[in-house]
């Protein structure tokens, strides 16, 4: 079934929002995203990965009751699950929604948990794209941590964009790599334990490996494959498979 084309009204709202908040800071954009009726009901989708704590911390300061969607693919590192629990408690998040792939679909399509060895796209669809789509479908908008410095199509990233029938909010779109580090240091935020072990970008355990000095930070994601995105980010109805530049986080 073809993906729905963005509605004109949605496109107009996004243009208005980008114009209205074009000179605002990341925190200000986030605050308005959670309160502006032009955005609507909004959730933060977080992987609790290498840089996720920045937006989680911002959300906790603005409104701890904001829905936070965390997708447990059931193939995550144990360290990620421990980090998720510790960070959620530290920040006092009150509406954390931990979701999982559909058990019946897992039984029929990946009963032995080896689908990733044969078809990584099919595995990501089953364990990430489908459950996340179901979890966010009731919201008008959702917040991401994507940034322009990550390269590819993201170099033109705006604070607000159309993603099929929803608005995607990118408060950190204009941040530089140093902004990321400064925020974490200045706010004394705990880092994901795998970062110090050579994992600057963290996904599912079977498809994530450590990165060597000098490699692209996402080199450990689906190593030696053309795949660079799990499929949750779309632009004009097409999944983005972009080559990312150094400095990529989650």
C-alpha atoms as a PDB file:
ATOM      1  CA  UNK A   1       0.000   0.000   0.000  1.00  0.00           C
ATOM      2  CA  UNK A   2       1.541   3.387  -0.979  1.00  0.00           C
ATOM      3  CA  UNK A   3       2.331   5.849   1.775  1.00  0.00           C
ATOM      4  CA  UNK A   4      -0.058   8.742   2.208  1.00  0.00           C
ATOM      5  CA  UNK A   5       1.046  12.071   0.746  1.00  0.00           C
ATOM      6  CA  UNK A   6       1.496  14.887   3.283  1.00  0.00           C
ATOM      7  CA  UNK A   7      -1.630  16.968   3.729  1.00  0.00           C
ATOM      8  CA  UNK A   8      -1.368  20.588   2.488  1.00  0.00           C
ATOM      9  CA  UNK A   9      -2.606  21.872   5.843  1.00  0.00           C
ATOM     10  CA  UNK A  10       0.211  20.034   7.584  1.00  0.00           C
ATOM     11  CA  UNK A  11       2.791  21.461   5.212  1.00  0.00           C
ATOM     12  CA  UNK A  12       1.472  24.975   5.821  1.00  0.00           C
ATOM     13  CA  UNK A  13       1.618  24.491   9.589  1.00  0.00           C
ATOM     14  CA  UNK A  14       5.229  23.336   9.342  1.00  0.00           C
ATOM     15  CA  UNK A  15       6.184  26.358   7.229  1.00  0.00           C
ATOM     16  CA  UNK A  16       4.535  28.631   9.795  1.00  0.00           C
ATOM     17  CA  UNK A  17       6.286  26.930  12.723  1.00  0.00           C
ATOM     18  CA  UNK A  18       9.716  27.090  11.086  1.00  0.00           C
ATOM     19  CA  UNK A  19       9.235  30.789  10.342  1.00  0.00           C
ATOM     20  CA  UNK A  20       7.919  31.552  13.826  1.00  0.00           C
ATOM     21  CA  UNK A  21      10.754  29.808  15.692  1.00  0.00           C
ATOM     22  CA  UNK A  22      13.604  30.167  13.189  1.00  0.00           C
ATOM     23  CA  UNK A  23      15.777  32.182  15.603  1.00  0.00           C
ATOM     24  CA  UNK A  24      14.933  30.251  18.757  1.00  0.00           C
ATOM     25  CA  UNK A  25      17.235  28.042  20.811  1.00  0.00           C
ATOM     26  CA  UNK A  26      16.865  24.263  21.067  1.00  0.00           C
ATOM     27  CA  UNK A  27      15.253  24.520  24.497  1.00  0.00           C
ATOM     28  CA  UNK A  28      12.848  27.193  23.300  1.00  0.00           C
ATOM     29  CA  UNK A  29      11.852  25.127  20.267  1.00  0.00           C
ATOM     30  CA  UNK A  30      11.217  22.164  22.539  1.00  0.00           C
ATOM     31  CA  UNK A  31       9.116  24.246  24.931  1.00  0.00           C
ATOM     32  CA  UNK A  32       6.984  25.564  22.089  1.00  0.00           C
ATOM     33  CA  UNK A  33       6.676  22.136  20.504  1.00  0.00           C
ATOM     34  CA  UNK A  34       5.072  20.942  23.722  1.00  0.00           C
ATOM     35  CA  UNK A  35       2.684  23.883  23.997  1.00  0.00           C
ATOM     36  CA  UNK A  36       1.940  25.354  20.554  1.00  0.00           C
ATOM     37  CA  UNK A  37      -1.488  24.217  19.288  1.00  0.00           C
ATOM     38  CA  UNK A  38      -0.089  24.307  15.747  1.00  0.00           C
ATOM     39  CA  UNK A  39       2.050  21.303  16.730  1.00  0.00           C
ATOM     40  CA  UNK A  40      -0.590  19.360  18.631  1.00  0.00           C
ATOM     41  CA  UNK A  41      -0.097  16.383  20.920  1.00  0.00           C
ATOM     42  CA  UNK A  42       3.588  15.523  21.065  1.00  0.00           C
ATOM     43  CA  UNK A  43       5.766  12.670  22.329  1.00  0.00           C
ATOM     44  CA  UNK A  44       9.518  12.249  22.587  1.00  0.00           C
ATOM     45  CA  UNK A  45      10.825   9.079  20.956  1.00  0.00           C
ATOM     46  CA  UNK A  46      14.081   8.065  22.631  1.00  0.00           C
ATOM     47  CA  UNK A  47      16.483   5.187  22.087  1.00  0.00           C
ATOM     48  CA  UNK A  48      18.282   5.970  25.363  1.00  0.00           C
ATOM     49  CA  UNK A  49      21.433   5.774  23.264  1.00  0.00           C
ATOM     50  CA  UNK A  50      24.702   7.684  23.216  1.00  0.00           C
ATOM     51  CA  UNK A  51      23.281  11.243  23.070  1.00  0.00           C
ATOM     52  CA  UNK A  52      19.636  10.630  23.981  1.00  0.00           C
ATOM     53  CA  UNK A  53      19.968  11.996  27.487  1.00  0.00           C
ATOM     54  CA  UNK A  54      20.219  15.570  26.153  1.00  0.00           C
ATOM     55  CA  UNK A  55      16.618  15.721  24.946  1.00  0.00           C
ATOM     56  CA  UNK A  56      15.447  13.611  27.879  1.00  0.00           C
ATOM     57  CA  UNK A  57      17.016  16.135  30.236  1.00  0.00           C
ATOM     58  CA  UNK A  58      15.463  19.066  28.347  1.00  0.00           C
ATOM     59  CA  UNK A  59      12.033  17.439  28.425  1.00  0.00           C
ATOM     60  CA  UNK A  60      12.347  16.706  32.138  1.00  0.00           C
ATOM     61  CA  UNK A  61      13.111  20.382  32.789  1.00  0.00           C
ATOM     62  CA  UNK A  62      10.205  21.604  30.661  1.00  0.00           C
ATOM     63  CA  UNK A  63       7.527  19.032  31.497  1.00  0.00           C
ATOM     64  CA  UNK A  64       8.203  15.677  33.157  1.00  0.00           C
ATOM     65  CA  UNK A  65       4.723  14.475  32.154  1.00  0.00           C
ATOM     66  CA  UNK A  66       5.616  14.519  28.449  1.00  0.00           C
ATOM     67  CA  UNK A  67       5.087  11.041  26.931  1.00  0.00           C
ATOM     68  CA  UNK A  68       8.454   9.378  26.296  1.00  0.00           C
ATOM     69  CA  UNK A  69       8.358   6.367  23.987  1.00  0.00           C
ATOM     70  CA  UNK A  70      11.168   3.829  24.393  1.00  0.00           C
ATOM     71  CA  UNK A  71      11.250   0.892  22.000  1.00  0.00           C
ATOM     72  CA  UNK A  72      12.737  -2.289  23.429  1.00  0.00           C
ATOM     73  CA  UNK A  73      13.404  -4.354  20.305  1.00  0.00           C
ATOM     74  CA  UNK A  74      14.265  -7.312  22.559  1.00  0.00           C
ATOM     75  CA  UNK A  75      17.711  -7.302  20.994  1.00  0.00           C
ATOM     76  CA  UNK A  76      19.162  -4.315  22.821  1.00  0.00           C
ATOM     77  CA  UNK A  77      22.342  -4.365  24.885  1.00  0.00           C
ATOM     78  CA  UNK A  78      21.782  -5.091  28.570  1.00  0.00           C
ATOM     79  CA  UNK A  79      23.649  -1.837  29.226  1.00  0.00           C
ATOM     80  CA  UNK A  80      21.016   0.110  27.276  1.00  0.00           C
ATOM     81  CA  UNK A  81      18.192  -1.386  29.336  1.00  0.00           C
ATOM     82  CA  UNK A  82      20.032  -0.603  32.583  1.00  0.00           C
ATOM     83  CA  UNK A  83      20.783   2.931  31.365  1.00  0.00           C
ATOM     84  CA  UNK A  84      17.139   3.478  30.420  1.00  0.00           C
ATOM     85  CA  UNK A  85      15.946   2.552  33.893  1.00  0.00           C
ATOM     86  CA  UNK A  86      18.618   4.632  35.644  1.00  0.00           C
ATOM     87  CA  UNK A  87      18.099   7.760  33.504  1.00  0.00           C
ATOM     88  CA  UNK A  88      14.303   7.581  33.732  1.00  0.00           C
ATOM     89  CA  UNK A  89      14.516   7.452  37.509  1.00  0.00           C
ATOM     90  CA  UNK A  90      17.153  10.202  37.726  1.00  0.00           C
ATOM     91  CA  UNK A  91      15.137  12.596  35.562  1.00  0.00           C
ATOM     92  CA  UNK A  92      11.796  11.761  37.168  1.00  0.00           C
ATOM     93  CA  UNK A  93      10.009  11.004  33.908  1.00  0.00           C
ATOM     94  CA  UNK A  94       6.374  10.246  34.738  1.00  0.00           C
ATOM     95  CA  UNK A  95       5.007   9.003  31.406  1.00  0.00           C
ATOM     96  CA  UNK A  96       7.572   6.538  30.096  1.00  0.00           C
ATOM     97  CA  UNK A  97       6.035   4.142  27.583  1.00  0.00           C
ATOM     98  CA  UNK A  98       8.152   1.042  27.005  1.00  0.00           C
ATOM     99  CA  UNK A  99       6.949  -0.733  23.882  1.00  0.00           C
ATOM    100  CA  UNK A 100       7.924  -4.017  22.250  1.00  0.00           C
ATOM    101  CA  UNK A 101       7.499  -5.722  18.894  1.00  0.00           C
ATOM    102  CA  UNK A 102       4.243  -7.616  18.505  1.00  0.00           C
ATOM    103  CA  UNK A 103       4.705 -11.076  20.035  1.00  0.00           C
ATOM    104  CA  UNK A 104       2.546 -12.823  17.428  1.00  0.00           C
ATOM    105  CA  UNK A 105       4.445 -11.197  14.570  1.00  0.00           C
ATOM    106  CA  UNK A 106       7.758 -12.179  16.164  1.00  0.00           C
ATOM    107  CA  UNK A 107       6.570 -15.788  16.424  1.00  0.00           C
ATOM    108  CA  UNK A 108       5.530 -15.930  12.773  1.00  0.00           C
ATOM    109  CA  UNK A 109       8.309 -13.880  11.189  1.00  0.00           C
ATOM    110  CA  UNK A 110      11.340 -14.412  13.438  1.00  0.00           C
ATOM    111  CA  UNK A 111      10.724 -17.401  15.736  1.00  0.00           C
ATOM    112  CA  UNK A 112      14.440 -18.154  16.142  1.00  0.00           C
ATOM    113  CA  UNK A 113      15.607 -14.518  16.488  1.00  0.00           C
ATOM    114  CA  UNK A 114      17.887 -14.824  13.458  1.00  0.00           C
ATOM    115  CA  UNK A 115      16.049 -12.698  10.893  1.00  0.00           C
ATOM    116  CA  UNK A 116      18.761 -10.045  11.157  1.00  0.00           C
ATOM    117  CA  UNK A 117      21.262 -12.509   9.692  1.00  0.00           C
ATOM    118  CA  UNK A 118      19.240 -12.914   6.497  1.00  0.00           C
ATOM    119  CA  UNK A 119      17.474  -9.566   6.046  1.00  0.00           C
ATOM    120  CA  UNK A 120      18.309  -6.575   8.245  1.00  0.00           C
ATOM    121  CA  UNK A 121      15.624  -4.417   6.635  1.00  0.00           C
ATOM    122  CA  UNK A 122      12.939  -6.996   7.435  1.00  0.00           C
ATOM    123  CA  UNK A 123      14.238  -7.281  10.997  1.00  0.00           C
ATOM    124  CA  UNK A 124      14.168  -3.509  11.490  1.00  0.00           C
ATOM    125  CA  UNK A 125      10.658  -3.350  10.053  1.00  0.00           C
ATOM    126  CA  UNK A 126       9.459  -6.024  12.458  1.00  0.00           C
ATOM    127  CA  UNK A 127      11.252  -4.873  15.574  1.00  0.00           C
ATOM    128  CA  UNK A 128      11.422  -1.087  15.073  1.00  0.00           C
ATOM    129  CA  UNK A 129       9.354   0.510  12.334  1.00  0.00           C
ATOM    130  CA  UNK A 130       6.052  -1.297  12.890  1.00  0.00           C
ATOM    131  CA  UNK A 131       5.877  -1.107  16.708  1.00  0.00           C
ATOM    132  CA  UNK A 132       7.062   2.512  16.734  1.00  0.00           C
ATOM    133  CA  UNK A 133       4.518   3.464  14.117  1.00  0.00           C
ATOM    134  CA  UNK A 134       1.776   1.931  16.216  1.00  0.00           C
ATOM    135  CA  UNK A 135       3.013   3.657  19.379  1.00  0.00           C
ATOM    136  CA  UNK A 136       3.278   7.131  17.854  1.00  0.00           C
ATOM    137  CA  UNK A 137       0.214   6.924  15.626  1.00  0.00           C
ATOM    138  CA  UNK A 138      -2.002   8.656  18.159  1.00  0.00           C
ATOM    139  CA  UNK A 139       0.210  11.744  18.375  1.00  0.00           C
ATOM    140  CA  UNK A 140       0.221  14.769  16.090  1.00  0.00           C
ATOM    141  CA  UNK A 141       3.990  15.108  16.390  1.00  0.00           C
ATOM    142  CA  UNK A 142       7.085  13.427  17.760  1.00  0.00           C
ATOM    143  CA  UNK A 143      10.497  14.720  18.777  1.00  0.00           C
ATOM    144  CA  UNK A 144      13.809  13.420  17.422  1.00  0.00           C
ATOM    145  CA  UNK A 145      17.466  14.111  18.193  1.00  0.00           C
ATOM    146  CA  UNK A 146      18.641  14.458  14.589  1.00  0.00           C
ATOM    147  CA  UNK A 147      21.136  17.193  13.710  1.00  0.00           C
ATOM    148  CA  UNK A 148      22.429  18.885  10.557  1.00  0.00           C
ATOM    149  CA  UNK A 149      26.043  18.007  11.256  1.00  0.00           C
ATOM    150  CA  UNK A 150      25.161  14.347  10.795  1.00  0.00           C
ATOM    151  CA  UNK A 151      25.319  14.948   7.051  1.00  0.00           C
ATOM    152  CA  UNK A 152      23.452  13.526   4.077  1.00  0.00           C
ATOM    153  CA  UNK A 153      19.867  14.749   3.763  1.00  0.00           C
ATOM    154  CA  UNK A 154      20.111  16.068   7.314  1.00  0.00           C
ATOM    155  CA  UNK A 155      22.257  19.058   6.315  1.00  0.00           C
ATOM    156  CA  UNK A 156      19.046  20.888   5.396  1.00  0.00           C
ATOM    157  CA  UNK A 157      17.129  19.770   8.464  1.00  0.00           C
ATOM    158  CA  UNK A 158      14.672  22.279   9.944  1.00  0.00           C
ATOM    159  CA  UNK A 159      13.215  22.456  13.425  1.00  0.00           C
ATOM    160  CA  UNK A 160       9.895  21.190  12.090  1.00  0.00           C
ATOM    161  CA  UNK A 161       9.219  18.880   9.146  1.00  0.00           C
ATOM    162  CA  UNK A 162       6.391  16.849   7.653  1.00  0.00           C
ATOM    163  CA  UNK A 163       6.622  13.086   8.091  1.00  0.00           C
ATOM    164  CA  UNK A 164       3.634  11.628   6.258  1.00  0.00           C
ATOM    165  CA  UNK A 165       0.638  12.502   8.464  1.00  0.00           C
ATOM    166  CA  UNK A 166       2.643  13.882  11.402  1.00  0.00           C
ATOM    167  CA  UNK A 167       5.040  16.655  12.336  1.00  0.00           C
ATOM    168  CA  UNK A 168       8.561  15.710  13.281  1.00  0.00           C
ATOM    169  CA  UNK A 169      10.319  18.106  15.665  1.00  0.00           C
ATOM    170  CA  UNK A 170      14.126  18.409  15.620  1.00  0.00           C
ATOM    171  CA  UNK A 171      15.139  20.817  18.437  1.00  0.00           C
ATOM    172  CA  UNK A 172      18.858  20.016  18.041  1.00  0.00           C
ATOM    173  CA  UNK A 173      18.881  20.487  14.259  1.00  0.00           C
ATOM    174  CA  UNK A 174      21.346  23.404  14.329  1.00  0.00           C
ATOM    175  CA  UNK A 175      23.662  22.077  17.028  1.00  0.00           C
ATOM    176  CA  UNK A 176      27.342  21.384  16.369  1.00  0.00           C
ATOM    177  CA  UNK A 177      29.219  18.394  17.842  1.00  0.00           C
ATOM    178  CA  UNK A 178      30.753  20.636  20.497  1.00  0.00           C
ATOM    179  CA  UNK A 179      27.291  21.777  21.598  1.00  0.00           C
ATOM    180  CA  UNK A 180      26.439  18.157  22.350  1.00  0.00           C
ATOM    181  CA  UNK A 181      29.536  17.646  24.470  1.00  0.00           C
ATOM    182  CA  UNK A 182      29.195  20.997  26.239  1.00  0.00           C
ATOM    183  CA  UNK A 183      25.583  20.315  27.225  1.00  0.00           C
ATOM    184  CA  UNK A 184      26.408  16.923  28.667  1.00  0.00           C
ATOM    185  CA  UNK A 185      29.403  18.241  30.601  1.00  0.00           C
ATOM    186  CA  UNK A 186      27.736  21.427  31.863  1.00  0.00           C
ATOM    187  CA  UNK A 187      24.712  19.506  33.104  1.00  0.00           C
ATOM    188  CA  UNK A 188      26.755  16.597  34.451  1.00  0.00           C
ATOM    189  CA  UNK A 189      24.702  14.058  32.581  1.00  0.00           C
ATOM    190  CA  UNK A 190      25.590  10.361  32.895  1.00  0.00           C
ATOM    191  CA  UNK A 191      26.848   8.824  29.679  1.00  0.00           C
ATOM    192  CA  UNK A 192      25.737   5.526  28.253  1.00  0.00           C
ATOM    193  CA  UNK A 193      28.269   2.976  29.593  1.00  0.00           C
ATOM    194  CA  UNK A 194      29.053   1.649  26.112  1.00  0.00           C
ATOM    195  CA  UNK A 195      30.323   5.041  24.886  1.00  0.00           C
ATOM    196  CA  UNK A 196      33.573   4.667  26.814  1.00  0.00           C
ATOM    197  CA  UNK A 197      33.973   1.188  25.317  1.00  0.00           C
ATOM    198  CA  UNK A 198      34.050   2.460  21.736  1.00  0.00           C
ATOM    199  CA  UNK A 199      30.358   2.631  20.858  1.00  0.00           C
ATOM    200  CA  UNK A 200      29.535   6.237  19.801  1.00  0.00           C
ATOM    201  CA  UNK A 201      26.315   5.038  18.126  1.00  0.00           C
ATOM    202  CA  UNK A 202      24.264   2.318  19.794  1.00  0.00           C
ATOM    203  CA  UNK A 203      21.533   0.143  18.345  1.00  0.00           C
ATOM    204  CA  UNK A 204      20.609  -3.509  18.669  1.00  0.00           C
ATOM    205  CA  UNK A 205      23.396  -5.752  19.968  1.00  0.00           C
ATOM    206  CA  UNK A 206      23.635  -8.146  16.981  1.00  0.00           C
ATOM    207  CA  UNK A 207      24.013  -5.283  14.490  1.00  0.00           C
ATOM    208  CA  UNK A 208      26.249  -2.897  16.478  1.00  0.00           C
ATOM    209  CA  UNK A 209      29.996  -3.181  16.941  1.00  0.00           C
ATOM    210  CA  UNK A 210      32.686  -0.988  18.475  1.00  0.00           C
ATOM    211  CA  UNK A 211      34.257   1.734  16.329  1.00  0.00           C
ATOM    212  CA  UNK A 212      37.984   2.083  15.823  1.00  0.00           C
ATOM    213  CA  UNK A 213      39.807   5.426  16.182  1.00  0.00           C
ATOM    214  CA  UNK A 214      39.382   7.489  13.015  1.00  0.00           C
ATOM    215  CA  UNK A 215      36.321   5.612  11.800  1.00  0.00           C
ATOM    216  CA  UNK A 216      32.969   7.261  11.164  1.00  0.00           C
ATOM    217  CA  UNK A 217      31.018   7.151  14.423  1.00  0.00           C
ATOM    218  CA  UNK A 218      28.290   5.091  12.724  1.00  0.00           C
ATOM    219  CA  UNK A 219      30.724   2.588  11.206  1.00  0.00           C
ATOM    220  CA  UNK A 220      29.704   0.070  13.833  1.00  0.00           C
ATOM    221  CA  UNK A 221      26.043   0.109  12.784  1.00  0.00           C
ATOM    222  CA  UNK A 222      25.344  -2.701  10.283  1.00  0.00           C
ATOM    223  CA  UNK A 223      29.098  -2.890   9.670  1.00  0.00           C
ATOM    224  CA  UNK A 224      30.227  -3.585   6.099  1.00  0.00           C
ATOM    225  CA  UNK A 225      26.675  -3.120   4.785  1.00  0.00           C
ATOM    226  CA  UNK A 226      25.098  -0.335   2.744  1.00  0.00           C
ATOM    227  CA  UNK A 227      22.377   0.030   5.349  1.00  0.00           C
ATOM    228  CA  UNK A 228      22.757   3.160   7.491  1.00  0.00           C
ATOM    229  CA  UNK A 229      19.211   3.782   8.767  1.00  0.00           C
ATOM    230  CA  UNK A 230      16.682   1.506  10.464  1.00  0.00           C
ATOM    231  CA  UNK A 231      13.779   2.968   8.507  1.00  0.00           C
ATOM    232  CA  UNK A 232      11.917   5.128  11.023  1.00  0.00           C
ATOM    233  CA  UNK A 233      12.842   8.412   9.310  1.00  0.00           C
ATOM    234  CA  UNK A 234      11.085   9.329   6.079  1.00  0.00           C
ATOM    235  CA  UNK A 235      11.208  12.321   3.758  1.00  0.00           C
ATOM    236  CA  UNK A 236       8.423  12.780   1.230  1.00  0.00           C
ATOM    237  CA  UNK A 237       7.345   9.208   1.859  1.00  0.00           C
ATOM    238  CA  UNK A 238      10.768   7.669   1.279  1.00  0.00           C
ATOM    239  CA  UNK A 239      12.984   5.998   3.836  1.00  0.00           C
ATOM    240  CA  UNK A 240      16.244   7.877   4.224  1.00  0.00           C
ATOM    241  CA  UNK A 241      19.400   5.845   3.641  1.00  0.00           C
ATOM    242  CA  UNK A 242      22.033   8.556   3.846  1.00  0.00           C
ATOM    243  CA  UNK A 243      25.764   8.414   4.335  1.00  0.00           C
ATOM    244  CA  UNK A 244      26.461  10.247   7.566  1.00  0.00           C
ATOM    245  CA  UNK A 245      29.486  12.326   8.361  1.00  0.00           C
ATOM    246  CA  UNK A 246      31.648  12.118  11.502  1.00  0.00           C
ATOM    247  CA  UNK A 247      29.960  13.331  14.640  1.00  0.00           C
ATOM    248  CA  UNK A 248      26.868  11.113  14.351  1.00  0.00           C
ATOM    249  CA  UNK A 249      25.352  10.141  17.658  1.00  0.00           C
ATOM    250  CA  UNK A 250      22.303   7.895  18.004  1.00  0.00           C
END
